[in-house]
C-alpha cells in the first residue's frame, strides 16, 4: 500500500466527523481561532512594513512564527504522547493567547518595535508549536479510525477557510483601525477554543506500564523515526518542499506592495485567494490519493505550484495574481495533506504525537529557512526574480523522486493486542537492566538468504520499538542455527518494546518464525546483563518488584513457534 496512496472515506463523505460532538465543537472553535490568527498575520506583516522597508525584516516575521516549531516540536510531541492531550492543548493555547495579548497592549501603547514584534511572534509561534502535536494526535480520539482521513482534511479545511476569509477581514480592520485592532480580535477569538478544551471530558485509555520520562520519550520518538525509512523520506521531501515553496509565503506582502503597488487590503485579498484555493483543493485530496500514487500526486502538485508562482512573479495585475494564488493555495494544501495523512496513518498511537511533531518540525523548519533565504535573495535580486527562481526550483523538484521516492509500504498504525509479561524467576524491578534477549532459529540452508532478508525487517521494527545492539549471527559449526540478539536498557523498557509492535510487525515476526524447522520450538533466552561492579550485595537493596508490577505468565523459552510472534 502506498504510504500516502489509496485511501477511501466513508460512504457519507467528508462531513461524517462533524456528527461527533467533541470533534464538532473543537472544529468550530478552531475555525474561530484560525480566523483570528489570519487577521493577526495581516496586522503583523503590515505593522512590520510600516516600521521598516527591509525585505529581511518582513520575511523574518514568517521565520519567527515557524522557528518555534523546529525548536519545540519533538518535546511537544513527547508531551502529547505521555500526558493528557487536553491539558497540554489548553496550556499551549494559553501561551499563544498571552503572546497575542502582549502584541495588542504594546501596539496600543505605541511601544512596539521590529525586534519586539518578532519576539512576540516567536511567543505566539511557540504556543502554536506546542499545540499542534496535541491537536493532531488527539483527532483519533475524537472520531473512529475509519473517519480519520476525513477528520484530518476537515481540520485543513478549517484552517484554510479562515485563511481565505481572515486576511480580507484583516486588511479591512488594519486599514480602518490599525494593527492593534487585529491583535485584539485575535486574542478574543482564542477564548472559545480555550473554553471548549476546558469542558472536553476526555477519556484517557488506562496503561499498564508507567509513562516514560520526557528525555527518554524524546529519544524513543527519534529512534522510531530513524528506523522508519518511509517516514524519513516524507520528512526529507516535506523539508525541501517547505524551503522551495516558502518564497510565496514570505514574499506575499512584498508582492502586494512592490509588484501590485497596493496596500493592506491588497495584501488581504492575496492571502484570501491563497486560502480560498486551499479550501477548494482539500476535498480533492482523497480522490487524488485514490487515483494516483503518492509520488505522482506530490509531483503533480509541485509542477502546478511552479506554474502558479511564475505567474505571480510575471503578472503585475491583481486579478491574474489572485487566480494564480488560488491554484497555488490548492496544490500547497494538497501536498501538506498528503504528507500529513501519510505520517498519521503510518504511526502507532504510542508514538503518533512524536511522529507528527517531527513532520511539523521538518515542514515548518523548511518554510522558516526558506523565508529567511528568500528574504535575503529579494534584497539583492528583487521580488519578481526571487519568485521566478523559486518556480524553477519547484519545477525541478520532482527529480527528487529518483533519489528519495515516496515508498509503497504497508500501514503500521494498527496496534496489536497487548501481551502478558513473561514469567521470570529472578526478582526484578522496572529499573533492572540491561536486558539481553537471544532467539535461536533453525533454518534450512537453502532458505538462509530468504530468512536473512526477513530478519532485516525484524531488525528495523525491533529498533523502532526500543531495542538496541541488534545482531543476527550464524553458527559456523552448525550452519542451520541462527541467533538473533538484542538489548533493552531496562526490564521496563523491554516490556514496552514487546508491546509496541503493530499487527504488520507481528506478521513479519511470524514470517521469520515460519522458517524454523526441527522438533523443538524456537528458543528464547532473556538474561540480565551483569558487568563487573554492577552487583550491589547490600541488604537494603530491594530485590522484589513493586506491587502491581512484574511478570504473570508462562516462560517464553518453552513457547510453541506458532505463537512466538505474539510472545517476543
Protein backbone atom coordinates (compact mmCIF):
# COMPACT_ATOMS: atom_id res chain seq x y z
CA UNK A 1 0.00 0.00 0.00
CA UNK A 2 1.22 3.46 -0.79
CA UNK A 3 2.26 5.47 2.25
CA UNK A 4 0.15 8.37 1.08
CA UNK A 5 -1.67 6.46 -1.59
CA UNK A 6 -5.16 4.99 -1.95
CA UNK A 7 -7.47 5.80 0.93
CA UNK A 8 -11.24 5.97 0.89
CA UNK A 9 -13.67 7.90 3.02
CA UNK A 10 -16.86 6.58 4.49
CA UNK A 11 -19.80 6.43 2.12
CA UNK A 12 -21.42 9.51 3.64
CA UNK A 13 -18.47 11.75 2.72
CA UNK A 14 -16.07 14.19 4.24
CA UNK A 15 -18.57 15.71 6.73
CA UNK A 16 -19.04 12.48 8.71
CA UNK A 17 -16.66 13.51 11.56
CA UNK A 18 -18.86 16.54 12.28
CA UNK A 19 -21.50 14.14 13.61
CA UNK A 20 -19.33 13.56 16.67
CA UNK A 21 -19.97 16.23 19.30
CA UNK A 22 -16.43 16.64 20.62
CA UNK A 23 -14.90 16.91 17.17
CA UNK A 24 -17.62 19.33 16.01
CA UNK A 25 -17.13 21.66 18.99
CA UNK A 26 -13.36 21.66 18.66
CA UNK A 27 -13.59 22.12 14.90
CA UNK A 28 -15.85 25.19 15.19
CA UNK A 29 -13.74 26.68 17.97
CA UNK A 30 -10.56 26.10 15.98
CA UNK A 31 -12.20 27.77 12.98
CA UNK A 32 -12.63 30.95 15.04
CA UNK A 33 -9.09 30.66 16.41
CA UNK A 34 -7.68 30.21 12.91
CA UNK A 35 -9.71 33.18 11.72
CA UNK A 36 -8.14 35.32 14.43
CA UNK A 37 -4.67 34.08 13.51
CA UNK A 38 -5.24 35.02 9.87
CA UNK A 39 -6.36 38.50 10.90
CA UNK A 40 -3.29 38.81 13.12
CA UNK A 41 -0.95 37.76 10.29
CA UNK A 42 -2.11 40.73 8.22
CA UNK A 43 -1.61 43.08 11.15
CA UNK A 44 1.88 41.74 11.91
CA UNK A 45 3.10 41.89 8.31
CA UNK A 46 1.71 45.35 7.70
CA UNK A 47 2.99 46.69 11.03
CA UNK A 48 6.47 45.44 10.16
CA UNK A 49 6.35 47.07 6.70
CA UNK A 50 5.32 50.36 8.29
CA UNK A 51 8.27 50.23 10.66
CA UNK A 52 10.94 49.12 8.15
CA UNK A 53 11.45 48.79 4.40
CA UNK A 54 13.87 45.85 4.79
CA UNK A 55 12.74 42.69 2.99
CA UNK A 56 14.79 40.74 5.55
CA UNK A 57 12.68 42.02 8.43
CA UNK A 58 9.41 41.37 6.60
CA UNK A 59 10.43 37.81 5.75
CA UNK A 60 11.63 37.27 9.36
CA UNK A 61 8.01 37.57 10.54
CA UNK A 62 7.28 34.17 8.99
CA UNK A 63 10.56 32.80 10.33
CA UNK A 64 9.68 33.95 13.86
CA UNK A 65 6.34 32.15 13.61
CA UNK A 66 7.81 28.95 12.14
CA UNK A 67 11.09 28.64 14.05
CA UNK A 68 9.46 27.53 17.35
CA UNK A 69 8.03 24.53 15.52
CA UNK A 70 11.57 23.41 14.73
CA UNK A 71 12.79 24.02 18.28
CA UNK A 72 9.99 22.58 20.40
CA UNK A 73 8.06 20.17 18.18
CA UNK A 74 9.82 16.99 19.31
CA UNK A 75 9.47 17.74 23.08
CA UNK A 76 5.87 18.83 22.38
CA UNK A 77 5.22 15.54 20.61
CA UNK A 78 6.62 13.63 23.57
CA UNK A 79 4.36 15.58 25.92
CA UNK A 80 1.37 14.79 23.67
CA UNK A 81 2.15 11.06 23.86
CA UNK A 82 2.89 11.00 27.60
CA UNK A 83 0.34 13.30 29.24
CA UNK A 84 -3.28 14.37 28.95
CA UNK A 85 -3.53 15.93 25.49
CA UNK A 86 -6.48 18.11 26.53
CA UNK A 87 -4.50 19.80 29.31
CA UNK A 88 -1.41 20.16 27.13
CA UNK A 89 -3.51 21.74 24.37
CA UNK A 90 -5.16 24.13 26.84
CA UNK A 91 -1.78 25.33 28.15
CA UNK A 92 -0.49 25.74 24.59
CA UNK A 93 -3.45 27.91 23.57
CA UNK A 94 -2.90 29.93 26.75
CA UNK A 95 0.68 30.70 25.68
CA UNK A 96 -0.49 31.87 22.25
CA UNK A 97 -3.23 33.96 23.90
CA UNK A 98 -0.66 35.60 26.18
CA UNK A 99 1.63 36.46 23.27
CA UNK A 100 -1.19 37.92 21.19
CA UNK A 101 -2.50 39.95 24.13
CA UNK A 102 1.01 41.36 24.64
CA UNK A 103 1.10 42.32 20.95
CA UNK A 104 -2.19 44.19 21.31
CA UNK A 105 -1.15 46.00 24.51
CA UNK A 106 2.30 47.08 23.28
CA UNK A 107 0.89 48.23 19.93
CA UNK A 108 -1.86 50.22 21.72
CA UNK A 109 0.73 51.87 23.97
CA UNK A 110 2.97 52.69 20.99
CA UNK A 111 5.84 50.60 22.37
CA UNK A 112 6.10 48.12 19.52
CA UNK A 113 9.43 47.87 17.66
CA UNK A 114 10.56 45.49 14.90
CA UNK A 115 12.55 43.34 17.32
CA UNK A 116 9.78 43.27 19.92
CA UNK A 117 7.28 42.37 17.20
CA UNK A 118 9.47 39.43 16.15
CA UNK A 119 9.93 38.32 19.77
CA UNK A 120 6.18 38.30 20.45
CA UNK A 121 5.57 36.49 17.16
CA UNK A 122 8.03 33.88 18.45
CA UNK A 123 5.95 33.52 21.65
CA UNK A 124 2.74 33.06 19.64
CA UNK A 125 4.53 30.60 17.38
CA UNK A 126 5.72 28.66 20.43
CA UNK A 127 2.14 28.25 21.62
CA UNK A 128 1.11 27.03 18.17
CA UNK A 129 4.09 24.64 18.03
CA UNK A 130 3.18 23.12 21.39
CA UNK A 131 -0.47 22.83 20.38
CA UNK A 132 -0.06 21.13 17.04
CA UNK A 133 1.12 17.63 18.12
CA UNK A 134 -1.58 17.50 20.81
CA UNK A 135 -4.20 18.63 18.32
CA UNK A 136 -3.18 16.32 15.50
CA UNK A 137 -2.68 13.20 17.61
CA UNK A 138 -5.96 13.69 19.51
CA UNK A 139 -8.06 13.58 16.33
CA UNK A 140 -8.04 9.78 16.52
CA UNK A 141 -9.61 10.05 20.00
CA UNK A 142 -12.44 12.27 18.77
CA UNK A 143 -13.62 10.17 15.80
CA UNK A 144 -13.49 6.48 14.77
CA UNK A 145 -10.37 5.41 12.88
CA UNK A 146 -12.26 4.87 9.61
CA UNK A 147 -13.16 8.57 9.53
CA UNK A 148 -9.66 9.80 10.42
CA UNK A 149 -8.69 10.87 6.86
CA UNK A 150 -11.89 12.92 6.60
CA UNK A 151 -11.22 14.48 10.02
CA UNK A 152 -7.65 15.42 9.03
CA UNK A 153 -8.93 17.03 5.83
CA UNK A 154 -11.65 18.88 7.74
CA UNK A 155 -9.04 20.33 10.07
CA UNK A 156 -7.16 21.52 6.99
CA UNK A 157 -10.36 22.99 5.59
CA UNK A 158 -10.99 24.82 8.88
CA UNK A 159 -7.55 26.39 8.71
CA UNK A 160 -7.93 27.36 5.08
CA UNK A 161 -11.48 28.69 5.37
CA UNK A 162 -10.11 31.04 8.00
CA UNK A 163 -7.14 31.86 5.80
CA UNK A 164 -9.38 32.63 2.82
CA UNK A 165 -11.71 34.95 4.76
CA UNK A 166 -9.47 36.17 7.58
CA UNK A 167 -6.92 38.12 5.53
CA UNK A 168 -9.63 40.12 3.75
CA UNK A 169 -11.18 40.91 7.12
CA UNK A 170 -7.74 41.65 8.48
CA UNK A 171 -6.98 44.03 5.63
CA UNK A 172 -10.19 45.96 6.30
CA UNK A 173 -9.53 46.05 10.07
CA UNK A 174 -5.91 47.18 9.67
CA UNK A 175 -6.89 49.84 7.12
CA UNK A 176 -9.69 51.12 9.35
CA UNK A 177 -8.37 50.74 12.90
CA UNK A 178 -4.71 49.75 12.69
CA UNK A 179 -2.78 46.63 13.62
CA UNK A 180 -3.73 46.88 17.29
CA UNK A 181 -7.36 46.03 16.44
CA UNK A 182 -6.24 42.93 14.53
CA UNK A 183 -4.18 41.77 17.52
CA UNK A 184 -7.04 42.37 19.95
CA UNK A 185 -9.51 40.42 17.79
CA UNK A 186 -7.08 37.50 17.59
CA UNK A 187 -6.81 37.40 21.37
CA UNK A 188 -10.60 37.37 21.78
CA UNK A 189 -11.04 34.55 19.26
CA UNK A 190 -8.72 32.29 21.25
CA UNK A 191 -11.23 32.26 24.12
CA UNK A 192 -13.84 29.90 22.55
CA UNK A 193 -11.14 27.29 21.91
CA UNK A 194 -9.89 27.54 25.48
CA UNK A 195 -13.48 27.10 26.73
CA UNK A 196 -14.13 24.00 24.58
CA UNK A 197 -10.85 22.42 25.68
CA UNK A 198 -11.70 23.17 29.30
CA UNK A 199 -15.09 21.40 29.15
CA UNK A 200 -13.95 18.47 26.98
CA UNK A 201 -14.43 15.27 29.00
CA UNK A 202 -11.56 13.33 27.51
CA UNK A 203 -11.48 9.64 28.37
CA UNK A 204 -7.87 8.56 28.72
CA UNK A 205 -7.06 4.94 27.94
CA UNK A 206 -5.55 3.25 31.01
CA UNK A 207 -2.00 1.99 30.57
CA UNK A 208 -0.50 -0.93 32.44
CA UNK A 209 3.03 0.48 32.33
CA UNK A 210 4.11 3.85 33.76
CA UNK A 211 4.78 6.67 31.25
CA UNK A 212 8.27 7.38 30.00
CA UNK A 213 10.21 10.36 31.30
CA UNK A 214 10.41 13.29 28.93
CA UNK A 215 14.03 12.79 27.89
CA UNK A 216 13.52 9.05 27.32
CA UNK A 217 10.31 9.73 25.39
CA UNK A 218 12.15 12.13 23.08
CA UNK A 219 14.85 9.52 22.47
CA UNK A 220 12.20 6.85 21.81
CA UNK A 221 10.49 9.06 19.26
CA UNK A 222 13.72 9.91 17.47
CA UNK A 223 14.72 6.25 17.44
CA UNK A 224 11.38 5.25 15.95
CA UNK A 225 11.71 7.80 13.16
CA UNK A 226 15.37 6.92 12.50
CA UNK A 227 14.36 3.28 11.93
CA UNK A 228 11.32 4.10 9.77
CA UNK A 229 12.61 4.60 6.20
CA UNK A 230 9.22 5.61 4.84
CA UNK A 231 8.69 8.35 7.44
CA UNK A 232 12.24 9.63 6.96
CA UNK A 233 11.59 10.03 3.24
CA UNK A 234 8.40 12.02 3.90
CA UNK A 235 10.32 14.27 6.31
CA UNK A 236 13.04 14.92 3.73
CA UNK A 237 10.55 15.66 0.96
CA UNK A 238 8.44 17.94 3.17
CA UNK A 239 11.56 19.83 4.33
CA UNK A 240 12.64 20.51 0.75
CA UNK A 241 9.10 21.44 -0.31
CA UNK A 242 8.94 23.92 2.56
CA UNK A 243 12.26 25.55 1.67
CA UNK A 244 11.36 25.98 -2.00
CA UNK A 245 7.70 26.88 -1.54
CA UNK A 246 8.36 29.25 1.36
CA UNK A 247 9.03 32.03 -1.15
CA UNK A 248 5.37 32.66 -1.92
CA UNK A 249 4.51 32.70 1.81
CA UNK A 250 7.34 35.03 2.82
CA UNK A 251 7.16 37.44 -0.10
CA UNK A 252 3.42 37.88 -0.44
CA UNK A 253 3.42 41.23 1.46
CA UNK A 254 6.10 42.47 -0.95
CA UNK A 255 4.10 41.21 -3.93
CA UNK A 256 1.22 43.37 -2.74
CA UNK A 257 3.41 46.43 -2.15
CA UNK A 258 6.07 46.25 -4.87
CA UNK A 259 4.58 44.26 -7.75
CA UNK A 260 0.93 45.31 -7.42
CA UNK A 261 1.56 48.71 -5.74
CA UNK A 262 -1.25 48.01 -3.28
CA UNK A 263 -1.94 48.43 0.44
CA UNK A 264 -3.06 46.30 3.38
CA UNK A 265 -6.33 45.46 1.66
CA UNK A 266 -4.45 44.22 -1.41
CA UNK A 267 -2.35 42.00 0.80
CA UNK A 268 -5.52 40.70 2.45
CA UNK A 269 -7.01 39.86 -0.96
CA UNK A 270 -3.89 37.91 -1.92
CA UNK A 271 -3.94 35.92 1.32
CA UNK A 272 -7.65 35.27 0.87
CA UNK A 273 -7.08 33.99 -2.67
CA UNK A 274 -4.39 31.63 -1.40
CA UNK A 275 -6.66 30.40 1.40
CA UNK A 276 -9.63 30.04 -0.94
CA UNK A 277 -7.55 27.80 -3.17
CA UNK A 278 -6.68 25.62 -0.17
CA UNK A 279 -10.39 25.27 0.68
CA UNK A 280 -11.15 24.30 -2.91
CA UNK A 281 -8.30 21.79 -3.00
CA UNK A 282 -8.99 19.99 0.29
CA UNK A 283 -12.00 17.88 -0.82
CA UNK A 284 -9.98 16.54 -3.77
CA UNK A 285 -7.26 15.02 -1.58
CA UNK A 286 -9.00 11.60 -1.17
CA UNK A 287 -9.82 11.45 -4.89
CA UNK A 288 -6.25 12.25 -5.91
CA UNK A 289 -4.74 9.79 -3.43
CA UNK A 290 -7.13 7.09 -4.68
CA UNK A 291 -6.32 7.55 -8.37
CA UNK A 292 -2.61 8.40 -8.18
CA UNK A 293 0.42 7.02 -6.39
CA UNK A 294 1.92 9.17 -3.65
CA UNK A 295 4.92 10.08 -5.80
CA UNK A 296 2.76 11.07 -8.78
CA UNK A 297 0.40 13.16 -6.62
CA UNK A 298 3.26 15.09 -4.96
CA UNK A 299 4.94 15.69 -8.32
CA UNK A 300 1.71 16.96 -9.90
CA UNK A 301 1.29 19.41 -7.02
CA UNK A 302 4.89 20.61 -7.39
CA UNK A 303 4.55 21.27 -11.14
CA UNK A 304 1.26 23.14 -10.63
CA UNK A 305 2.82 25.19 -7.84
CA UNK A 306 5.74 26.13 -10.10
CA UNK A 307 3.40 27.48 -12.77
CA UNK A 308 1.37 29.45 -10.23
CA UNK A 309 4.44 31.07 -8.61
CA UNK A 310 5.85 32.03 -12.02
CA UNK A 311 2.53 33.67 -12.90
CA UNK A 312 2.59 35.69 -9.66
CA UNK A 313 6.12 36.86 -10.48
CA UNK A 314 5.28 37.99 -14.02
CA UNK A 315 1.65 39.10 -13.93
CA UNK A 316 1.61 42.57 -12.36
CA UNK A 317 -2.22 42.51 -12.38
CA UNK A 318 -4.27 41.91 -9.24
CA UNK A 319 -6.84 39.62 -10.90
CA UNK A 320 -4.28 37.36 -12.60
CA UNK A 321 -2.17 37.22 -9.44
CA UNK A 322 -5.21 36.27 -7.35
CA UNK A 323 -6.16 33.49 -9.79
CA UNK A 324 -2.62 32.13 -9.70
CA UNK A 325 -2.68 32.21 -5.89
CA UNK A 326 -5.93 30.22 -5.85
CA UNK A 327 -4.15 27.46 -7.77
CA UNK A 328 -1.05 27.78 -5.57
CA UNK A 329 -3.16 27.52 -2.41
CA UNK A 330 -4.97 24.43 -3.71
CA UNK A 331 -1.87 22.42 -4.56
CA UNK A 332 0.00 23.69 -1.48
CA UNK A 333 -2.76 22.38 0.75
CA UNK A 334 -2.95 19.07 -1.15
CA UNK A 335 0.78 18.47 -0.73
CA UNK A 336 0.76 19.00 3.02
CA UNK A 337 -2.44 16.99 3.49
CA UNK A 338 -0.92 14.05 1.64
CA UNK A 339 2.22 14.22 3.77
CA UNK A 340 0.23 14.64 7.00
CA UNK A 341 -2.20 11.79 6.39
CA UNK A 342 0.65 9.51 5.37
CA UNK A 343 2.57 10.09 8.60
CA UNK A 344 -0.54 9.91 10.80
CA UNK A 345 -1.86 6.67 9.36
CA UNK A 346 1.59 5.06 9.40
CA UNK A 347 2.47 5.74 13.05
CA UNK A 348 1.25 3.67 16.02
CA UNK A 349 -0.65 5.61 18.63
CA UNK A 350 2.15 5.35 21.20
CA UNK A 351 4.42 7.48 19.00
CA UNK A 352 1.86 9.37 16.90
CA UNK A 353 2.46 12.72 18.59
CA UNK A 354 6.23 12.48 18.15
CA UNK A 355 5.97 11.37 14.52
CA UNK A 356 3.64 14.25 13.70
CA UNK A 357 5.89 16.62 15.64
CA UNK A 358 8.87 15.54 13.54
CA UNK A 359 6.82 16.10 10.40
CA UNK A 360 5.78 19.56 11.61
CA UNK A 361 9.38 20.38 12.51
CA UNK A 362 10.56 19.34 9.05
CA UNK A 363 7.85 21.20 7.13
CA UNK A 364 7.86 24.33 9.28
CA UNK A 365 11.64 24.29 9.53
CA UNK A 366 11.83 24.18 5.75
CA UNK A 367 9.43 27.11 5.45
CA UNK A 368 11.30 29.09 8.15
CA UNK A 369 14.68 28.56 6.50
CA UNK A 370 13.16 29.26 3.09
CA UNK A 371 11.58 32.50 4.27
CA UNK A 372 14.92 33.72 5.63
CA UNK A 373 16.77 32.75 2.45
CA UNK A 374 14.17 34.24 0.11
CA UNK A 375 14.19 37.48 2.10
CA UNK A 376 17.98 37.79 1.66
CA UNK A 377 17.72 36.97 -2.04
CA UNK A 378 14.94 39.52 -2.54
CA UNK A 379 17.09 42.32 -1.12
CA UNK A 380 19.62 41.52 -3.85
CA UNK A 381 17.58 40.31 -6.82
CA UNK A 382 14.12 41.79 -6.27
CA UNK A 383 10.74 40.20 -5.58
CA UNK A 384 9.97 39.07 -9.13
CA UNK A 385 13.34 37.40 -9.71
CA UNK A 386 13.23 35.62 -6.35
CA UNK A 387 9.80 34.19 -7.17
CA UNK A 388 11.00 33.05 -10.61
CA UNK A 389 13.93 31.22 -9.01
CA UNK A 390 11.50 29.55 -6.60
CA UNK A 391 9.31 28.50 -9.54
CA UNK A 392 12.27 26.95 -11.37
CA UNK A 393 13.34 25.00 -8.27
CA UNK A 394 9.78 23.81 -7.67
CA UNK A 395 9.54 22.71 -11.32
CA UNK A 396 12.67 20.57 -10.94
CA UNK A 397 11.74 19.15 -7.51
CA UNK A 398 10.06 16.01 -8.95
CA UNK A 399 13.60 14.85 -9.77
CA UNK A 400 13.89 14.11 -6.04
CA UNK A 401 11.77 11.05 -6.76
CA UNK A 402 14.81 9.39 -8.33
CA UNK A 403 16.73 9.89 -5.07
CA UNK A 404 14.06 9.56 -2.38
CA UNK A 405 10.79 8.31 -3.91
CA UNK A 406 7.69 8.19 -1.76
CA UNK A 407 7.70 4.47 -0.85
CA UNK A 408 4.97 1.91 -1.03
CA UNK A 409 4.74 0.26 2.37
CA UNK A 410 2.16 -1.48 4.50
CA UNK A 411 0.45 0.65 7.12
CA UNK A 412 1.94 0.14 10.58
CA UNK A 413 -0.62 2.09 12.53
CA UNK A 414 -2.84 -0.82 13.63
CA UNK A 415 -1.72 -1.78 17.10
CA UNK A 416 -1.61 -5.45 18.03
CA UNK A 417 -3.07 -6.91 21.20
CA UNK A 418 -1.25 -6.35 24.50
CA UNK A 419 0.90 -9.28 25.60
CA UNK A 420 1.15 -10.66 29.11
CA UNK A 421 4.51 -10.31 30.84
CA UNK A 422 6.80 -13.35 30.57
CA UNK A 423 7.38 -15.43 33.68
CA UNK A 424 10.75 -15.00 35.37
CA UNK A 425 12.32 -16.49 38.47
CA UNK A 426 14.73 -13.68 39.24
CA UNK A 427 13.27 -10.80 41.24
CA UNK A 428 13.31 -7.73 39.00
CA UNK A 429 12.38 -4.10 39.35
CA UNK A 430 11.42 -1.84 36.49
CA UNK A 431 14.97 -0.41 36.51
CA UNK A 432 16.72 -3.79 36.32
CA UNK A 433 18.93 -3.99 33.27
CA UNK A 434 20.38 -4.05 30.73
CA UNK A 435 18.32 -6.97 29.47
CA UNK A 436 19.75 -9.24 26.75
CA UNK A 437 17.39 -11.26 24.56
CA UNK A 438 18.58 -14.15 22.40
CA UNK A 439 16.30 -16.02 20.00
CA UNK A 440 17.52 -19.18 18.28
CA UNK A 441 16.10 -20.27 14.91
CA UNK A 442 16.92 -23.43 12.99
CA UNK A 443 16.65 -22.68 9.26
CA UNK A 444 17.23 -24.98 6.28
CA UNK A 445 20.38 -23.92 4.46
CA UNK A 446 18.63 -23.46 1.10
CA UNK A 447 16.34 -20.86 2.76
CA UNK A 448 19.14 -18.95 4.50
CA UNK A 449 19.08 -15.95 2.14
CA UNK A 450 15.30 -15.52 2.33
CA UNK A 451 15.42 -15.80 6.12
CA UNK A 452 18.18 -13.18 6.33
CA UNK A 453 16.12 -10.78 4.17
CA UNK A 454 13.13 -11.11 6.53
CA UNK A 455 15.37 -10.57 9.55
CA UNK A 456 16.43 -7.19 8.15
CA UNK A 457 12.79 -6.11 8.51
CA UNK A 458 12.73 -7.61 12.01
CA UNK A 459 15.79 -5.52 12.88
CA UNK A 460 14.07 -2.30 11.88
CA UNK A 461 10.96 -2.79 13.97
CA UNK A 462 12.87 -4.14 16.99
CA UNK A 463 15.00 -0.97 16.95
CA UNK A 464 11.96 1.23 16.22
CA UNK A 465 10.25 -0.09 19.32
CA UNK A 466 13.16 0.27 21.75
CA UNK A 467 15.82 -2.41 21.24
CA UNK A 468 19.47 -1.58 20.62
CA UNK A 469 22.60 -3.55 19.76
CA UNK A 470 20.62 -5.83 17.42
CA UNK A 471 22.52 -8.56 15.57
CA UNK A 472 21.91 -11.79 13.72
CA UNK A 473 24.61 -14.50 13.76
CA UNK A 474 25.03 -17.89 12.07
CA UNK A 475 26.71 -20.79 13.85
CA UNK A 476 29.82 -21.84 11.89
CA UNK A 477 29.73 -25.36 13.37
CA UNK A 478 26.01 -25.80 12.77
CA UNK A 479 25.04 -23.65 9.71
CA UNK A 480 21.32 -24.20 10.24
CA UNK A 481 21.43 -22.47 13.64
CA UNK A 482 20.86 -18.71 13.68
CA UNK A 483 20.81 -16.46 16.76
CA UNK A 484 19.05 -13.10 16.91
CA UNK A 485 20.34 -10.93 19.74
CA UNK A 486 19.36 -7.51 21.05
CA UNK A 487 19.34 -5.47 24.23
CA UNK A 488 16.90 -3.24 26.09
CA UNK A 489 18.13 -0.71 28.68
CA UNK A 490 15.85 -1.97 31.49
CA UNK A 491 13.20 -4.56 32.22
CA UNK A 492 10.53 -1.86 31.89
CA UNK A 493 11.91 -0.83 28.50
CA UNK A 494 11.74 -4.46 27.40
CA UNK A 495 8.08 -4.72 28.45
CA UNK A 496 7.34 -1.56 26.48
CA UNK A 497 9.29 -2.79 23.46
CA UNK A 498 7.44 -6.10 23.18
CA UNK A 499 4.01 -4.42 23.42
CA UNK A 500 4.66 -1.67 20.89
CA UNK A 501 4.51 -3.98 17.88
CA UNK A 502 1.77 -3.39 15.35
CA UNK A 503 -0.12 -6.10 13.52
CA UNK A 504 2.04 -5.83 10.43
CA UNK A 505 5.19 -6.09 12.58
CA UNK A 506 3.81 -9.17 14.31
CA UNK A 507 3.12 -10.60 10.84
CA UNK A 508 6.78 -10.06 9.87
CA UNK A 509 7.79 -11.79 13.10
CA UNK A 510 5.61 -14.73 12.17
CA UNK A 511 7.27 -14.87 8.74
CA UNK A 512 10.66 -15.18 10.43
CA UNK A 513 9.34 -17.88 12.78
CA UNK A 514 7.88 -19.83 9.85
CA UNK A 515 11.43 -20.55 8.61
CA UNK A 516 12.17 -22.52 11.79
CA UNK A 517 12.43 -26.30 11.32
CA UNK A 518 13.01 -29.19 13.68
CA UNK A 519 11.17 -30.88 16.55
CA UNK A 520 11.96 -28.17 19.10
CA UNK A 521 10.29 -24.73 19.06
CA UNK A 522 12.22 -21.51 18.63
CA UNK A 523 14.23 -20.95 21.79
CA UNK A 524 14.15 -17.62 23.61
CA UNK A 525 16.59 -16.59 26.35
CA UNK A 526 16.19 -13.47 28.43
CA UNK A 527 19.23 -12.57 30.50
CA UNK A 528 20.07 -9.77 32.90
CA UNK A 529 23.45 -8.41 31.92
CA UNK A 530 25.80 -8.08 34.88
CA UNK A 531 29.08 -6.28 34.05
CA UNK A 532 31.81 -6.19 36.74
CA UNK A 533 30.95 -3.81 39.56
CA UNK A 534 27.23 -3.66 38.79
CA UNK A 535 26.05 -6.07 41.51
CA UNK A 536 25.46 -4.48 44.92
CA UNK A 537 25.28 -7.08 47.68
CA UNK A 538 23.58 -4.90 50.30
CA UNK A 539 20.69 -5.95 52.45
CA UNK A 540 18.84 -2.67 51.95
CA UNK A 541 18.77 -3.01 48.15
CA UNK A 542 15.23 -4.13 47.18
CA UNK A 543 15.02 -7.50 45.42
CA UNK A 544 11.31 -7.65 44.78
CA UNK A 545 9.38 -5.72 42.13
CA UNK A 546 6.92 -3.05 43.21
CA UNK A 547 3.34 -4.09 43.91
CA UNK A 548 1.33 -4.46 40.73
CA UNK A 549 4.43 -4.61 38.54
CA UNK A 550 6.02 -7.78 37.28
CA UNK A 551 5.68 -10.98 35.32
CA UNK A 552 2.48 -13.01 35.31
CA UNK A 553 2.56 -15.70 32.64
CA UNK A 554 4.46 -18.63 31.16
CA UNK A 555 8.14 -18.82 30.29
CA UNK A 556 8.71 -17.91 26.67
CA UNK A 557 11.67 -20.26 26.24
CA UNK A 558 9.18 -23.10 26.03
CA UNK A 559 6.56 -21.35 23.85
CA UNK A 560 5.41 -23.01 20.63
CA UNK A 561 6.92 -21.49 17.49
CA UNK A 562 3.43 -20.86 16.11
CA UNK A 563 2.80 -18.44 18.98
CA UNK A 564 6.24 -16.90 19.05
CA UNK A 565 5.24 -13.83 17.06
CA UNK A 566 2.79 -12.95 19.84
CA UNK A 567 5.18 -13.62 22.68
CA UNK A 568 8.52 -11.97 21.92
